[in-house]
Amino acid sequence: MQKRMSWLSYSKIILEKVSFDQKIFRKELRKSLSRLSKEEIKKLESWIIDNFNVILSYIAVTEISDYLSIQR
């Protein structure tokens, strides 16, 4: 029996694959945020900061901040 992948793990894979293009990265990040809990979003944010360049990290921090401020 195959174990299902979490949305967080899936999001990481997708973001790695699209990291060559900032516009696609932003689009896929936005889609990921709608599927994740606040705790998972914080984990994703930390992972992005640790694994991507400053520009993509800035995009992620900005998008996540905007998304969480709307969700309150």
Protein backbone atom coordinates (compact mmCIF):
# COMPACT_ATOMS: atom_id res chain seq x y z
CA MET A 1 0.00 0.00 0.00
CA GLN A 2 1.38 3.38 -0.98
CA LYS A 3 1.56 6.16 1.59
CA ARG A 4 0.07 9.49 0.53
CA MET A 5 2.35 12.48 0.30
CA SER A 6 1.53 15.49 2.51
CA TRP A 7 0.68 18.81 0.89
CA LEU A 8 3.77 20.27 2.55
CA SER A 9 6.06 17.68 0.94
CA TYR A 10 4.31 18.07 -2.40
CA SER A 11 4.66 21.86 -2.20
CA LYS A 12 8.39 21.58 -1.58
CA ILE A 13 8.85 19.36 -4.62
CA ILE A 14 6.87 21.71 -6.87
CA LEU A 15 8.68 24.81 -5.62
CA GLU A 16 12.04 23.18 -6.24
CA LYS A 17 11.01 22.35 -9.81
CA VAL A 18 9.81 25.87 -10.62
CA SER A 19 12.51 27.83 -8.80
CA PHE A 20 14.09 28.80 -12.13
CA ASP A 21 11.26 31.30 -12.76
CA GLN A 22 10.13 33.87 -10.17
CA LYS A 23 6.68 34.32 -11.68
CA ILE A 24 5.90 30.59 -11.68
CA PHE A 25 7.43 30.22 -8.20
CA ARG A 26 5.08 32.93 -6.86
CA LYS A 27 2.05 31.31 -8.56
CA GLU A 28 2.84 27.85 -7.17
CA LEU A 29 3.57 29.25 -3.73
CA ARG A 30 0.17 30.95 -3.66
CA LYS A 31 -1.52 27.68 -4.60
CA SER A 32 0.42 25.88 -1.87
CA LEU A 33 -0.60 28.38 0.81
CA SER A 34 -4.28 27.68 0.25
CA ARG A 35 -3.73 23.98 0.98
CA LEU A 36 -1.59 24.27 4.12
CA SER A 37 -2.29 24.95 7.78
CA LYS A 38 -0.66 27.94 9.46
CA GLU A 39 1.89 25.65 11.10
CA GLU A 40 2.77 24.07 7.76
CA ILE A 41 3.05 27.52 6.16
CA LYS A 42 5.62 28.53 8.79
CA LYS A 43 7.57 25.32 8.13
CA LEU A 44 7.46 25.99 4.39
CA GLU A 45 8.64 29.56 4.92
CA SER A 46 11.64 28.39 6.96
CA TRP A 47 12.45 25.72 4.38
CA ILE A 48 12.35 28.26 1.54
CA ILE A 49 14.64 30.67 3.41
CA ASP A 50 17.10 27.83 4.06
CA ASN A 51 17.03 26.43 0.52
CA PHE A 52 16.59 29.27 -1.95
CA ASN A 53 18.28 32.52 -2.88
CA VAL A 54 17.48 35.89 -1.38
CA ILE A 55 15.09 36.90 -4.15
CA LEU A 56 12.90 33.80 -3.89
CA SER A 57 13.05 33.99 -0.09
CA TYR A 58 11.87 37.60 -0.24
CA ILE A 59 9.02 36.63 -2.57
CA ALA A 60 8.01 33.85 -0.18
CA VAL A 61 8.16 35.97 2.98
CA THR A 62 6.12 38.71 1.31
CA GLU A 63 3.49 36.34 -0.10
CA ILE A 64 3.19 34.42 3.17
CA SER A 65 2.89 37.61 5.21
CA ASP A 66 0.18 38.92 2.87
CA TYR A 67 -1.67 35.60 2.91
CA LEU A 68 -1.63 35.28 6.71
CA SER A 69 -2.75 38.88 7.22
CA ILE A 70 -5.82 38.21 5.04
CA GLN A 71 -6.62 34.96 6.88
CA ARG A 72 -6.94 36.60 10.32
